[in-house]
Protein backbone atom coordinates (compact mmCIF):
# COMPACT_ATOMS: atom_id res chain seq x y z
CA MET A 1 -97.16 84.03 94.33
CA LYS A 2 -96.58 80.13 93.83
CA GLN A 3 -98.52 80.49 90.44
CA GLN A 4 -95.70 83.56 89.49
CA LYS A 5 -98.87 86.22 89.89
CA GLU A 6 -98.29 89.68 91.39
CA ILE A 7 -99.94 90.40 94.88
CA GLU A 8 -100.37 93.43 96.37
CA ALA A 9 -99.31 94.34 100.19
CA PHE A 10 -99.32 97.18 101.86
CA CYS A 11 -96.11 99.08 102.98
CA ASP A 12 -97.48 101.43 105.55
CA TYR A 13 -100.04 98.81 107.54
CA TYR A 14 -98.37 96.79 110.08
CA PHE A 15 -99.05 94.23 111.99
CA SER A 16 -97.05 91.75 114.48
CA PRO A 17 -97.51 88.11 113.82
CA LEU A 18 -97.78 85.44 116.31
CA SER A 19 -98.43 81.78 115.69
CA VAL A 20 -100.96 79.37 116.77
CA GLY A 21 -98.57 77.39 118.36
CA PHE A 22 -97.13 80.09 120.56
CA VAL A 23 -100.58 81.80 121.41
CA SER A 24 -101.61 78.14 122.53
CA ARG A 25 -99.00 77.58 125.10
CA ILE A 26 -99.11 80.94 126.33
CA LEU A 27 -102.89 80.68 127.05
CA PHE A 28 -102.21 77.33 128.58
CA ASP A 29 -99.62 78.74 131.30
CA ILE A 30 -101.89 81.48 131.90
CA ALA A 31 -104.70 79.13 132.65
CA ARG A 32 -102.75 76.70 134.29
CA LEU A 33 -101.55 79.28 136.69
CA GLN A 34 -104.80 80.85 137.46
CA LYS A 35 -103.69 84.09 136.30
CA GLY A 36 -106.39 86.58 135.42
CA GLY A 37 -106.17 90.15 134.04
CA VAL A 38 -105.31 91.91 131.06
CA TRP A 39 -102.26 89.92 129.18
CA HIS A 40 -100.37 91.37 126.29
CA ILE A 41 -99.07 89.34 123.53
CA SER A 42 -97.18 90.68 120.46
CA GLY A 43 -94.11 89.84 118.38
CA ASN A 44 -91.13 91.48 118.92
CA ARG A 45 -91.68 94.52 116.30
CA ALA A 46 -93.90 95.56 113.90
CA VAL A 47 -93.83 95.00 110.32
CA SER A 48 -95.06 95.89 107.15
CA TYR A 49 -97.55 93.64 104.86
CA TYR A 50 -95.01 94.36 102.43
CA GLU A 51 -91.99 93.48 104.10
CA ALA A 52 -94.20 90.20 105.25
CA ALA A 53 -94.82 89.32 101.90
CA LEU A 54 -91.39 90.08 100.61
CA ALA A 55 -89.96 87.25 103.13
CA LEU A 56 -92.47 84.80 102.01
CA ALA A 57 -91.48 85.27 98.02
CA GLU A 58 -87.69 84.91 99.21
CA THR A 59 -89.07 81.59 101.74
CA ILE A 60 -90.75 79.94 98.67
CA GLY A 61 -88.32 80.99 96.17
CA VAL A 62 -90.09 83.50 93.48
CA PRO A 63 -88.69 86.66 92.64
CA SER A 64 -89.58 89.62 94.81
CA LYS A 65 -91.02 91.09 92.02
CA LEU A 66 -94.24 89.54 92.07
CA VAL A 67 -94.62 91.81 95.77
CA VAL A 68 -96.00 94.93 94.84
CA LYS A 69 -95.89 97.75 96.64
CA ARG A 70 -99.49 99.77 97.83
CA HIS A 71 -99.99 102.38 100.26
CA ALA A 72 -102.46 102.04 102.43
CA GLU A 73 -103.05 105.69 103.53
CA LYS A 74 -104.29 106.05 100.29
CA LEU A 75 -106.62 103.41 100.26
CA LEU A 76 -108.07 102.97 103.73
CA ASP A 77 -110.14 105.14 105.76
CA LYS A 78 -107.21 106.67 108.43
CA VAL A 79 -109.32 105.19 111.29
CA PHE A 80 -107.60 101.88 110.24
CA LEU A 81 -104.42 103.39 110.23
CA SER A 82 -102.20 102.61 113.41
CA PRO A 83 -98.79 103.95 113.97
CA SER A 84 -98.28 100.98 116.63
CA THR A 85 -99.16 97.06 116.67
CA VAL A 86 -96.42 96.24 118.76
CA LEU A 87 -97.89 95.14 122.50
CA LYS A 88 -95.38 95.56 125.63
CA CYS A 89 -95.48 91.74 126.56
CA SER A 90 -93.20 93.01 130.20
CA ARG A 91 -95.87 90.76 132.46
CA LEU A 92 -95.58 87.83 130.09
CA GLU A 93 -91.83 87.89 130.45
CA SER A 94 -91.97 88.43 134.43
CA TRP A 95 -94.35 85.58 135.06
CA PHE A 96 -92.96 82.85 132.37
CA GLY A 97 -89.52 84.26 131.05
CA ILE A 98 -91.07 84.20 127.18
CA PHE A 99 -90.27 86.83 125.53
CA ALA A 100 -91.88 87.94 122.24
CA PRO A 101 -90.91 85.85 119.13
CA ASP A 102 -89.36 86.89 116.31
CA VAL A 103 -91.67 88.20 113.52
CA MET A 104 -89.69 87.57 110.39
CA GLU A 105 -89.01 83.62 112.05
CA THR A 106 -93.07 83.47 112.92
CA ILE A 107 -93.94 84.47 108.77
CA LYS A 108 -91.09 82.06 107.48
CA ASN A 109 -92.44 79.31 109.73
CA THR A 110 -95.99 79.83 108.28
CA LEU A 111 -94.90 77.88 105.08
CA LYS A 112 -93.66 75.13 107.09
CA PRO A 113 -95.83 71.75 107.43
C-alpha cells in the first residue's frame, strides 16, 4: 500500500489479532504463577481482513480504495471458514485482571516502531 499498489483482503474471513508483547506477558504470568491448563487468549472481537486492511491504510495515510474487497467463501474451501475466531478469556480475566485488548488498537500499533 505504501507503494500505492492495491491489495486484496477478505471481507468474510476473520481473525482476532494480538501483539507479541501481550502474548509474551500472559505466558510469563502463567509460568510465573505455575498455572497449568488451557488458557484462551484473544482480542476483544473478530475483525475481517478487509476491515484490518482499511485500518492499516488509514494509519499509514493511503487511500482506502487501494484495499480491494474479496469474498473468502468464493475462493476458499468451506473447511477454512469459521463463524467465530474469538475465544472467551474469562480465566485470564479472573486470574490476572487482564481483559482482551482492542483489536483495532493492536492492528494500528503493528506499524509503530
